[in-house]
Amino acid sequence: MPQRRFSRRSLLGGGLAVAGVAALCGRGQARTAGLPPRLRAAAQGERRLSLVAAERRAKLLGADGPDSAVWTYGEKLFEVVRIAQGETLAVELENRLAEHTAIHWHGLRIPNDQDGVPYVTQPPVRPGERHSYRFTPPDTGTFWFHPHCDTVAQLGRGLAGVLIVEGDETAPYDADLALLLKDWRLDPASGGYLPFMTQRGALRAGTFGTVRTVNGETAPRLTVRAGGDVRLRLLNLDSTRVGDIGVDGGEAAVIAIDGNPIAPFPLKDWRLGPAMRLDLVVRAPAAGGEVRLMDYFAAEPVVLATLAGAWAPARGKAFDPTPLTRSAIPEPRIRGAERLTFAFATASKQKSALAVSADDGDPLAAALLDSLCAASTVNWSINREAWPVGDHSRVPKPLAVLREGRTYVAELSNETPHVHPIHLHGFTFKVLGSTKRELPVHFADTVLLTPNERITIAFVADRPGDWMIHCHLIEHQETGMMGYLKVV
């Protein structure tokens, strides 16, 4: 790693006071019990929202580059919807695409029939059709929404949006910015798309984009009030990219993971996999100064965005970020809980061997894979079961049947040499520990499994229905690493 990263870690390790809340304790585990209660009354009323999935144009290659065809829910590249906690969201989706779609509300604890999974919780919304969603998000936080069929192509073209449920702040920050991280697989000459999925990517760590953006721009420069405390809501909307998030040139603290509040702790670095979110408070620089949001998980550190200080200073005291309020996520009762195990692996030993040696340019390997996988390639599995086999409409048996209201402790085991961001629909689970890393105890809906790692989670199965569990590295999801849990 560059020497600059060592200096950044030294700075952050000694520069954050975090007074008045529970700081890191034990083996670096942060507690949520020290967060203040939420005193603000929940809002009431209904927010109506029209989303029109259609093809539009965007300048992803810069002002002087060619246009690209993007799929969006509105005129903006990514819709950012803000509602207050307690408001009911009534959404009408109109599909003007050439293929069917749906909307999965990622990270939201909502009724199963609103979860947005074709063939599982709803029929697909076919071209020219409309579909209505209506729910009241129970939790504040940073969430997002996206399709759940042909995801590699639909998300690859940009079909995603952000839902922010407000009401978790104990005091206002000087700014609140959503930063959406996404790669695009573009031909720089034409602005057209390169293949979203490749054989090599599906068998390994995914097919990476050629253009990295934040909010649709390459390394944007954002002007903020000098010396202010800025809330950055980072969302990894990419299908593949895992980032090692850090801040260069200033102080930063983590205040929420996947939208769930946690007692503030200094940001040293954080592995942010596809579908994961991270809320930070960053102290803005003095007027004329810069603070850079970085990705260090690369051969050379990548500047994702730059915060530039301007105007009169907002604060003069030491950096001591204001905590968020506690959420009302059901607390798992670990003692006496039923134990589950989910092994994320290749679909067979033969495919595992090919995953190490196959290359897109090797016709013999391609022929072998085609003969093994027939019409639908199956590379990955959960507990030795792969889905989809054929197509998504062939719904298999559940991976497990759970009883409503009970606590379950699950071990997620990565039996492969690749990372897997594992997402559980409908529930916010508590991450209890890892066999390889010192993770804070925190609530999440997506957790990154590194190679040969085992992570233990716990959750309360408090709502009936069929709930998906899958890898959110989309090429893995669409080639077998997907299943569901049935709560009865």
Protein backbone atom coordinates (compact mmCIF):
# COMPACT_ATOMS: atom_id res chain seq x y z
CA MET A 1 0.00 0.00 0.00
CA PRO A 2 1.20 3.58 -0.60
CA GLN A 3 2.78 5.40 2.32
CA ARG A 4 -0.03 7.98 2.17
CA ARG A 5 -2.52 5.35 3.30
CA PHE A 6 -0.43 4.58 6.41
CA SER A 7 -0.44 8.29 7.32
CA ARG A 8 -4.21 8.49 6.82
CA ARG A 9 -4.78 5.57 9.18
CA SER A 10 -2.50 7.12 11.81
CA LEU A 11 -4.40 10.39 11.59
CA LEU A 12 -7.83 8.84 11.92
CA GLY A 13 -6.79 6.44 14.64
CA GLY A 14 -5.97 9.29 17.00
CA GLY A 15 -8.16 12.13 15.82
CA LEU A 16 -11.75 11.20 16.67
CA ALA A 17 -13.20 11.87 20.10
CA VAL A 18 -16.71 10.42 19.71
CA ALA A 19 -17.79 11.75 23.08
CA GLY A 20 -21.11 10.80 24.63
CA VAL A 21 -21.66 7.53 22.73
CA ALA A 22 -20.37 4.00 23.06
CA ALA A 23 -17.03 3.82 21.26
CA LEU A 24 -15.20 0.74 20.08
CA CYS A 25 -14.95 -1.92 22.72
CA GLY A 26 -13.65 -5.44 23.17
CA ARG A 27 -12.17 -6.72 19.89
CA GLY A 28 -13.06 -3.56 18.02
CA GLN A 29 -16.79 -4.24 18.18
CA ALA A 30 -19.08 -1.23 18.16
CA ARG A 31 -22.32 -1.36 20.09
CA THR A 32 -25.68 0.11 19.08
CA ALA A 33 -27.05 0.13 22.65
CA GLY A 34 -25.27 3.45 23.32
CA LEU A 35 -27.28 5.30 20.68
CA PRO A 36 -29.87 7.83 21.89
CA PRO A 37 -33.59 6.96 21.58
CA ARG A 38 -35.68 8.47 18.82
CA LEU A 39 -37.84 11.22 20.27
CA ARG A 40 -39.29 12.63 17.06
CA ALA A 41 -42.83 11.41 16.34
CA ALA A 42 -43.28 9.43 13.15
CA ALA A 43 -44.77 11.29 10.21
CA GLN A 44 -48.16 10.48 8.74
CA GLY A 45 -49.70 10.65 5.31
CA GLU A 46 -49.00 9.16 1.91
CA ARG A 47 -46.38 9.99 -0.69
CA ARG A 48 -47.33 9.14 -4.26
CA LEU A 49 -44.57 8.36 -6.72
CA SER A 50 -44.67 7.60 -10.44
CA LEU A 51 -41.73 5.62 -11.85
CA VAL A 52 -41.53 5.11 -15.61
CA ALA A 53 -38.92 2.53 -16.61
CA ALA A 54 -37.72 3.61 -20.05
CA GLU A 55 -34.66 4.16 -22.19
CA ARG A 56 -33.14 7.63 -22.04
CA ARG A 57 -29.81 9.23 -22.96
CA ALA A 58 -26.90 10.22 -20.71
CA LYS A 59 -23.36 11.61 -21.04
CA LEU A 60 -21.50 8.91 -19.13
CA LEU A 61 -18.28 9.44 -21.11
CA GLY A 62 -18.09 13.16 -20.37
CA ALA A 63 -19.40 16.28 -22.08
CA ASP A 64 -17.27 15.70 -25.18
CA GLY A 65 -17.95 11.96 -25.44
CA PRO A 66 -20.79 10.16 -27.22
CA ASP A 67 -24.17 9.66 -25.59
CA SER A 68 -25.10 6.33 -24.04
CA ALA A 69 -28.53 4.73 -23.84
CA VAL A 70 -29.46 4.27 -20.18
CA TRP A 71 -32.49 2.68 -18.53
CA THR A 72 -33.91 4.81 -15.75
CA TYR A 73 -37.07 5.30 -13.69
CA GLY A 74 -37.24 9.02 -14.50
CA GLU A 75 -35.55 11.87 -16.31
CA LYS A 76 -32.63 11.85 -13.85
CA LEU A 77 -29.99 9.14 -14.15
CA PHE A 78 -30.81 7.82 -10.67
CA GLU A 79 -34.00 8.78 -8.88
CA VAL A 80 -33.30 9.82 -5.27
CA VAL A 81 -36.53 9.70 -3.25
CA ARG A 82 -36.65 11.14 0.27
CA ILE A 83 -39.54 10.47 2.63
CA ALA A 84 -40.05 10.87 6.37
CA GLN A 85 -40.28 7.87 8.65
CA GLY A 86 -43.93 6.96 9.05
CA GLU A 87 -44.99 8.10 5.60
CA THR A 88 -46.60 5.53 3.34
CA LEU A 89 -45.05 5.24 -0.11
CA ALA A 90 -47.50 4.54 -2.95
CA VAL A 91 -45.60 3.77 -6.16
CA GLU A 92 -46.94 3.18 -9.64
CA LEU A 93 -44.43 1.55 -11.98
CA GLU A 94 -45.00 1.86 -15.72
CA ASN A 95 -42.86 -0.36 -17.93
CA ARG A 96 -41.85 1.24 -21.23
CA LEU A 97 -38.93 -1.15 -21.74
CA ALA A 98 -38.78 -3.90 -24.35
CA GLU A 99 -38.70 -6.62 -21.66
CA HIS A 100 -40.44 -7.32 -18.38
CA THR A 101 -39.20 -5.88 -15.10
CA ALA A 102 -40.15 -5.31 -11.44
CA ILE A 103 -38.84 -3.33 -8.45
CA HIS A 104 -37.15 -4.91 -5.46
CA TRP A 105 -36.93 -2.52 -2.49
CA HIS A 106 -33.49 -3.43 -1.20
CA GLY A 107 -33.03 -3.44 2.58
CA LEU A 108 -36.60 -2.52 3.49
CA ARG A 109 -38.52 -4.60 6.04
CA ILE A 110 -41.82 -4.53 4.18
CA PRO A 111 -44.58 -7.11 3.52
CA ASN A 112 -43.56 -10.02 1.33
CA ASP A 113 -46.02 -9.20 -1.44
CA GLN A 114 -44.25 -5.84 -1.92
CA ASP A 115 -40.72 -7.30 -2.19
CA GLY A 116 -40.66 -7.18 -5.98
CA VAL A 117 -39.28 -10.56 -7.06
CA PRO A 118 -40.84 -11.88 -10.30
CA TYR A 119 -42.39 -15.37 -10.00
CA VAL A 120 -41.86 -15.37 -6.22
CA THR A 121 -43.77 -12.39 -4.80
CA GLN A 122 -45.42 -10.96 -7.93
CA PRO A 123 -45.85 -11.59 -11.65
CA PRO A 124 -43.37 -9.79 -13.90
CA VAL A 125 -44.45 -6.38 -15.19
CA ARG A 126 -44.48 -6.88 -18.92
CA PRO A 127 -43.88 -4.17 -21.56
CA GLY A 128 -46.74 -1.67 -21.54
CA GLU A 129 -48.05 -2.85 -18.15
CA ARG A 130 -48.26 -1.07 -14.81
CA HIS A 131 -47.81 -2.35 -11.27
CA SER A 132 -48.49 -0.70 -7.92
CA TYR A 133 -46.48 -0.98 -4.70
CA ARG A 134 -47.64 0.38 -1.36
CA PHE A 135 -45.84 0.11 1.97
CA THR A 136 -44.73 2.07 5.02
CA PRO A 137 -40.98 1.70 5.70
CA PRO A 138 -40.54 0.95 9.42
CA ASP A 139 -36.91 2.06 9.57
CA THR A 140 -34.98 5.20 8.76
CA GLY A 141 -31.89 4.86 6.61
CA THR A 142 -30.28 4.67 3.20
CA PHE A 143 -31.92 2.11 0.88
CA TRP A 144 -32.21 1.54 -2.85
CA PHE A 145 -34.37 -0.17 -5.46
CA HIS A 146 -33.65 -2.13 -8.60
CA PRO A 147 -35.02 -4.93 -10.84
CA HIS A 148 -34.68 -8.59 -9.92
CA CYS A 149 -34.81 -10.37 -13.27
CA ASP A 150 -32.25 -9.96 -16.06
CA THR A 151 -30.55 -7.86 -13.40
CA VAL A 152 -27.12 -8.01 -15.01
CA ALA A 153 -28.41 -6.14 -18.09
CA GLN A 154 -31.09 -3.93 -16.52
CA LEU A 155 -28.88 -2.77 -13.64
CA GLY A 156 -25.95 -2.64 -16.06
CA ARG A 157 -27.87 -0.02 -18.05
CA GLY A 158 -28.56 2.00 -14.89
CA LEU A 159 -32.04 0.90 -13.80
CA ALA A 160 -31.83 1.75 -10.10
CA GLY A 161 -32.89 4.40 -7.62
CA VAL A 162 -32.32 5.48 -4.03
CA LEU A 163 -34.84 5.66 -1.18
CA ILE A 164 -33.82 7.70 1.86
CA VAL A 165 -36.08 7.45 4.91
CA GLU A 166 -35.34 10.50 7.05
CA GLY A 167 -35.77 11.03 10.77
CA ASP A 168 -32.71 9.44 12.40
CA GLU A 169 -30.66 12.57 13.14
CA THR A 170 -30.26 13.99 16.65
CA ALA A 171 -28.94 17.26 15.19
CA PRO A 172 -28.71 18.46 11.60
CA TYR A 173 -25.49 18.01 9.63
CA ASP A 174 -24.16 20.80 7.46
CA ALA A 175 -24.91 18.80 4.32
CA ASP A 176 -26.47 15.44 3.42
CA LEU A 177 -25.23 13.99 0.13
CA ALA A 178 -26.03 10.67 -1.55
CA LEU A 179 -23.07 9.30 -3.53
CA LEU A 180 -23.95 6.48 -5.91
CA LEU A 181 -21.00 4.32 -6.98
CA LYS A 182 -21.39 2.49 -10.29
CA ASP A 183 -19.21 1.22 -13.14
CA TRP A 184 -20.39 1.14 -16.76
CA ARG A 185 -19.22 -1.28 -19.46
CA LEU A 186 -18.94 1.15 -22.35
CA ASP A 187 -17.18 1.30 -25.70
CA PRO A 188 -15.43 4.71 -25.54
CA ALA A 189 -15.75 5.25 -29.28
CA SER A 190 -19.50 4.71 -29.64
CA GLY A 191 -20.89 4.99 -26.11
CA GLY A 192 -22.52 1.60 -26.61
CA TYR A 193 -22.35 -1.26 -24.14
CA LEU A 194 -19.86 -4.07 -23.99
CA PRO A 195 -21.23 -7.48 -22.87
CA PHE A 196 -22.56 -7.20 -19.33
CA MET A 197 -21.68 -10.81 -18.50
CA THR A 198 -18.65 -12.79 -19.62
CA GLN A 199 -17.78 -16.42 -19.04
CA ARG A 200 -14.60 -15.44 -17.24
CA GLY A 201 -16.40 -12.94 -15.01
CA ALA A 202 -19.26 -15.28 -14.15
CA LEU A 203 -16.75 -17.93 -13.07
CA ARG A 204 -14.54 -15.59 -11.09
CA ALA A 205 -14.94 -12.16 -9.51
CA GLY A 206 -17.38 -10.69 -12.04
CA THR A 207 -17.06 -8.63 -15.21
CA PHE A 208 -15.78 -5.16 -14.38
CA GLY A 209 -16.86 -1.93 -15.98
CA THR A 210 -14.67 0.35 -18.07
CA VAL A 211 -15.89 3.67 -16.65
CA ARG A 212 -16.12 4.37 -12.91
CA THR A 213 -18.59 7.01 -11.80
CA VAL A 214 -20.12 8.64 -8.76
CA ASN A 215 -23.61 9.98 -9.47
CA GLY A 216 -22.94 9.36 -13.15
CA GLU A 217 -19.75 11.47 -13.23
CA THR A 218 -16.09 10.53 -13.11
CA ALA A 219 -14.50 11.76 -9.84
CA PRO A 220 -16.94 14.65 -9.27
CA ARG A 221 -15.89 17.71 -7.27
CA LEU A 222 -18.47 18.72 -4.66
CA THR A 223 -18.42 22.10 -2.93
CA VAL A 224 -19.36 22.07 0.78
CA ARG A 225 -19.25 24.57 3.62
CA ALA A 226 -15.73 24.86 5.01
CA GLY A 227 -15.25 23.10 8.34
CA GLY A 228 -18.74 21.60 8.29
CA ASP A 229 -19.77 18.06 9.16
CA VAL A 230 -21.02 16.42 5.97
CA ARG A 231 -23.14 13.28 5.92
CA LEU A 232 -22.15 11.13 2.97
CA ARG A 233 -24.52 8.29 2.08
CA LEU A 234 -22.42 5.89 -0.02
CA LEU A 235 -24.30 3.31 -2.08
CA ASN A 236 -22.54 0.66 -4.13
CA LEU A 237 -24.93 0.16 -7.05
CA ASP A 238 -22.42 -1.78 -9.11
CA SER A 239 -22.94 -5.37 -10.19
CA THR A 240 -19.34 -6.40 -9.42
CA ARG A 241 -17.02 -3.81 -7.90
CA VAL A 242 -15.83 -4.18 -4.29
CA GLY A 243 -14.27 -1.03 -2.87
CA ASP A 244 -12.01 -0.39 0.10
CA ILE A 245 -13.44 2.94 1.17
CA GLY A 246 -11.33 5.56 2.91
CA VAL A 247 -10.92 9.31 3.21
CA ASP A 248 -7.70 11.16 2.40
CA GLY A 249 -6.99 14.62 3.80
CA GLY A 250 -9.53 14.75 6.62
CA GLU A 251 -11.35 12.99 9.41
CA ALA A 252 -14.30 10.65 8.94
CA ALA A 253 -16.52 8.42 11.06
CA VAL A 254 -18.96 5.64 10.25
CA ILE A 255 -22.48 6.35 11.57
CA ALA A 256 -24.60 3.75 9.74
CA ILE A 257 -24.11 0.45 7.90
CA ASP A 258 -26.69 -0.52 5.27
CA GLY A 259 -28.73 2.38 6.63
CA ASN A 260 -28.72 1.04 10.19
CA PRO A 261 -27.35 3.40 12.88
CA ILE A 262 -24.23 2.43 14.79
CA ALA A 263 -22.27 4.28 17.47
CA PRO A 264 -19.80 6.46 15.50
CA PHE A 265 -16.34 4.99 15.06
CA PRO A 266 -13.33 6.22 13.07
CA LEU A 267 -13.22 5.20 9.42
CA LYS A 268 -9.94 3.50 8.66
CA ASP A 269 -11.20 1.54 5.68
CA TRP A 270 -14.36 -0.40 4.90
CA ARG A 271 -14.92 -3.08 2.29
CA LEU A 272 -18.04 -1.98 0.41
CA GLY A 273 -19.37 -4.75 -1.83
CA PRO A 274 -22.19 -4.56 -4.37
CA ALA A 275 -25.53 -3.51 -2.82
CA MET A 276 -23.91 -2.42 0.46
CA ARG A 277 -24.25 1.09 1.90
CA LEU A 278 -22.17 3.13 4.30
CA ASP A 279 -23.11 6.43 5.97
CA LEU A 280 -20.17 8.61 6.95
CA VAL A 281 -19.70 11.94 8.66
CA VAL A 282 -16.74 13.75 7.11
CA ARG A 283 -15.26 16.99 8.44
CA ALA A 284 -15.11 19.33 5.46
CA PRO A 285 -11.79 21.06 4.78
CA ALA A 286 -11.02 24.73 5.30
CA ALA A 287 -11.87 27.13 2.49
CA GLY A 288 -9.71 26.26 -0.50
CA GLY A 289 -8.84 22.81 0.90
CA GLU A 290 -9.84 19.34 -0.26
CA VAL A 291 -10.88 16.02 1.23
CA ARG A 292 -10.91 13.02 -1.10
CA LEU A 293 -13.12 9.97 -0.93
CA MET A 294 -10.90 7.05 -1.96
CA ASP A 295 -11.05 3.45 -3.07
CA TYR A 296 -7.87 1.69 -1.98
CA PHE A 297 -8.87 -1.73 -3.31
CA ALA A 298 -6.94 -1.21 -6.54
CA ALA A 299 -3.39 -1.36 -7.87
CA GLU A 300 -3.33 2.43 -7.49
CA PRO A 301 -5.71 4.30 -5.15
CA VAL A 302 -8.72 5.75 -7.01
CA VAL A 303 -10.23 9.14 -6.18
CA LEU A 304 -13.99 8.61 -6.18
CA ALA A 305 -15.02 12.18 -5.32
CA THR A 306 -13.51 15.35 -3.88
CA LEU A 307 -15.06 17.61 -1.24
CA ALA A 308 -13.89 21.20 -1.68
CA GLY A 309 -14.28 23.66 1.20
CA ALA A 310 -15.85 27.05 0.50
CA TRP A 311 -17.68 29.93 2.20
CA ALA A 312 -17.40 30.89 5.85
CA PRO A 313 -16.39 28.14 8.31
CA ALA A 314 -19.31 26.26 9.82
CA ARG A 315 -17.68 24.84 12.96
CA GLY A 316 -14.69 25.54 15.12
CA LYS A 317 -14.68 22.66 17.58
CA ALA A 318 -12.91 19.31 17.36
CA PHE A 319 -14.40 16.62 15.17
CA ASP A 320 -16.98 14.77 17.28
CA PRO A 321 -19.74 13.49 14.97
CA THR A 322 -23.33 13.54 16.14
CA PRO A 323 -24.73 10.01 16.50
CA LEU A 324 -27.95 8.82 14.91
CA THR A 325 -30.87 7.54 16.96
CA ARG A 326 -31.62 3.88 17.66
CA SER A 327 -33.71 1.88 15.24
CA ALA A 328 -36.53 -0.50 16.16
CA ILE A 329 -35.12 -3.63 14.50
CA PRO A 330 -36.15 -6.75 16.46
CA GLU A 331 -33.30 -7.86 18.70
CA PRO A 332 -32.37 -11.54 18.16
CA ARG A 333 -32.47 -13.75 21.26
CA ILE A 334 -29.33 -15.79 20.76
CA ARG A 335 -29.82 -18.17 23.66
CA GLY A 336 -31.83 -21.16 22.52
CA ALA A 337 -31.99 -19.96 18.91
CA GLU A 338 -32.14 -22.51 16.12
CA ARG A 339 -28.91 -22.83 14.11
CA LEU A 340 -28.68 -22.71 10.31
CA THR A 341 -25.77 -23.13 7.91
CA PHE A 342 -25.53 -21.75 4.39
CA ALA A 343 -22.53 -22.83 2.31
CA PHE A 344 -21.77 -20.68 -0.74
CA ALA A 345 -19.80 -22.77 -3.20
CA THR A 346 -19.31 -23.72 -6.82
CA ALA A 347 -22.00 -25.87 -8.37
CA SER A 348 -19.70 -28.88 -8.76
CA LYS A 349 -16.08 -29.92 -8.39
CA GLN A 350 -15.77 -29.95 -12.17
CA LYS A 351 -16.92 -26.34 -12.41
CA SER A 352 -14.63 -25.39 -9.55
CA ALA A 353 -11.64 -26.69 -11.49
CA LEU A 354 -12.74 -24.86 -14.63
CA ALA A 355 -13.22 -21.64 -12.66
CA VAL A 356 -9.49 -21.58 -11.99
CA SER A 357 -8.36 -22.26 -15.55
CA ALA A 358 -11.06 -21.06 -17.92
CA ASP A 359 -10.43 -17.98 -20.03
CA ASP A 360 -12.69 -16.17 -22.47
CA GLY A 361 -10.13 -16.74 -25.20
CA ASP A 362 -9.84 -20.50 -24.66
CA PRO A 363 -12.30 -22.22 -27.06
CA LEU A 364 -11.74 -25.65 -25.53
CA ALA A 365 -12.64 -24.37 -22.07
CA ALA A 366 -15.69 -22.63 -23.53
CA ALA A 367 -16.85 -25.82 -25.22
CA LEU A 368 -16.42 -27.80 -22.01
CA LEU A 369 -18.39 -25.24 -20.05
CA ASP A 370 -21.17 -25.19 -22.62
CA SER A 371 -21.45 -28.97 -22.51
CA LEU A 372 -21.55 -28.95 -18.71
CA CYS A 373 -24.03 -26.11 -18.35
CA ALA A 374 -26.31 -26.81 -21.32
CA ALA A 375 -28.58 -23.88 -22.22
CA SER A 376 -28.36 -22.20 -18.83
CA THR A 377 -24.96 -21.85 -17.23
CA VAL A 378 -24.87 -22.93 -13.59
CA ASN A 379 -21.62 -22.03 -11.82
CA TRP A 380 -22.54 -21.48 -8.17
CA SER A 381 -24.69 -22.94 -5.40
CA ILE A 382 -26.03 -22.48 -1.88
CA ASN A 383 -26.04 -25.68 0.19
CA ARG A 384 -25.36 -27.59 -3.03
CA GLU A 385 -28.55 -26.22 -4.61
CA ALA A 386 -28.45 -23.91 -7.63
CA TRP A 387 -31.18 -21.56 -8.89
CA PRO A 388 -32.07 -20.57 -11.54
CA VAL A 389 -31.81 -23.82 -13.46
CA GLY A 390 -33.46 -23.14 -16.80
CA ASP A 391 -35.21 -19.87 -15.95
CA HIS A 392 -36.41 -17.92 -12.92
CA SER A 393 -40.00 -19.10 -13.26
CA ARG A 394 -39.00 -22.63 -12.18
CA VAL A 395 -39.13 -21.96 -8.45
CA PRO A 396 -37.36 -24.69 -6.44
CA LYS A 397 -38.02 -25.83 -2.88
CA PRO A 398 -36.85 -23.43 -0.14
CA LEU A 399 -33.40 -23.71 1.38
CA ALA A 400 -35.04 -23.74 4.84
CA VAL A 401 -38.48 -23.40 6.43
CA LEU A 402 -38.53 -21.01 9.40
CA ARG A 403 -41.18 -20.40 12.06
CA GLU A 404 -42.58 -16.90 12.36
CA GLY A 405 -41.36 -15.02 15.42
CA ARG A 406 -38.35 -17.23 16.17
CA THR A 407 -34.72 -16.17 16.27
CA TYR A 408 -32.29 -17.92 13.94
CA VAL A 409 -28.50 -17.89 14.08
CA ALA A 410 -26.94 -18.65 10.72
CA GLU A 411 -23.37 -19.36 9.69
CA LEU A 412 -22.58 -18.08 6.20
CA SER A 413 -19.64 -20.04 4.83
CA ASN A 414 -17.67 -19.04 1.74
CA GLU A 415 -16.14 -22.17 0.24
CA THR A 416 -14.70 -20.41 -2.81
CA PRO A 417 -11.64 -18.24 -3.60
CA HIS A 418 -13.88 -15.28 -4.55
CA VAL A 419 -15.86 -12.67 -2.62
CA HIS A 420 -19.64 -12.92 -2.26
CA PRO A 421 -21.81 -10.05 -0.95
CA ILE A 422 -24.72 -12.03 0.56
CA HIS A 423 -28.09 -10.30 0.72
CA LEU A 424 -31.16 -11.49 2.64
CA HIS A 425 -34.45 -9.99 1.56
CA GLY A 426 -36.99 -8.66 4.02
CA PHE A 427 -34.92 -8.91 7.22
CA THR A 428 -32.21 -6.86 8.87
CA PHE A 429 -29.80 -9.28 10.49
CA LYS A 430 -27.20 -8.75 13.19
CA VAL A 431 -23.61 -9.51 12.18
CA LEU A 432 -22.09 -11.26 15.19
CA GLY A 433 -18.57 -12.11 14.04
CA SER A 434 -16.16 -13.42 11.44
CA THR A 435 -13.51 -16.12 11.41
CA LYS A 436 -11.09 -13.87 9.48
CA ARG A 437 -11.80 -10.22 10.31
CA GLU A 438 -12.59 -8.02 13.27
CA LEU A 439 -15.97 -6.67 12.26
CA PRO A 440 -18.09 -4.45 14.50
CA VAL A 441 -21.30 -6.04 15.70
CA HIS A 442 -23.85 -4.27 13.52
CA PHE A 443 -27.17 -4.64 11.75
CA ALA A 444 -27.13 -5.12 7.97
CA ASP A 445 -29.00 -6.65 5.05
CA THR A 446 -25.91 -7.46 2.96
CA VAL A 447 -22.60 -8.79 4.22
CA LEU A 448 -19.39 -9.39 2.30
CA LEU A 449 -17.93 -12.89 2.56
CA THR A 450 -14.24 -12.92 1.70
CA PRO A 451 -12.58 -16.14 0.43
CA ASN A 452 -12.86 -19.05 2.87
CA GLU A 453 -14.47 -16.83 5.51
CA ARG A 454 -17.35 -17.75 7.82
CA ILE A 455 -19.60 -15.02 9.21
CA THR A 456 -22.28 -15.58 11.85
CA ILE A 457 -25.51 -13.59 11.72
CA ALA A 458 -28.75 -13.64 13.70
CA PHE A 459 -32.24 -12.38 12.90
CA VAL A 460 -35.86 -12.65 13.98
CA ALA A 461 -38.11 -14.25 11.35
CA ASP A 462 -40.95 -11.88 12.16
CA ARG A 463 -42.87 -11.90 8.85
CA PRO A 464 -44.20 -14.80 6.79
CA GLY A 465 -43.43 -15.28 3.12
CA ASP A 466 -40.78 -16.45 0.68
CA TRP A 467 -37.65 -14.35 1.13
CA MET A 468 -34.70 -14.46 -1.25
CA ILE A 469 -31.11 -15.01 -0.16
CA HIS A 470 -28.41 -14.62 -2.79
CA CYS A 471 -25.03 -13.27 -3.79
CA HIS A 472 -25.33 -9.69 -4.99
CA LEU A 473 -22.41 -10.05 -7.35
CA ILE A 474 -24.96 -10.29 -10.13
CA GLU A 475 -23.16 -12.76 -12.40
CA HIS A 476 -22.98 -15.17 -9.44
CA GLN A 477 -26.65 -14.61 -8.60
CA GLU A 478 -27.74 -15.26 -12.17
CA THR A 479 -25.65 -18.43 -12.51
CA GLY A 480 -26.86 -20.30 -9.45
CA MET A 481 -26.03 -18.56 -6.17
CA MET A 482 -29.62 -17.80 -5.25
CA GLY A 483 -32.31 -19.38 -3.11
CA TYR A 484 -35.05 -18.47 -0.67
CA LEU A 485 -36.21 -19.01 2.90
CA LYS A 486 -39.86 -19.75 3.66
CA VAL A 487 -41.24 -18.24 6.87
CA VAL A 488 -44.51 -19.85 8.02
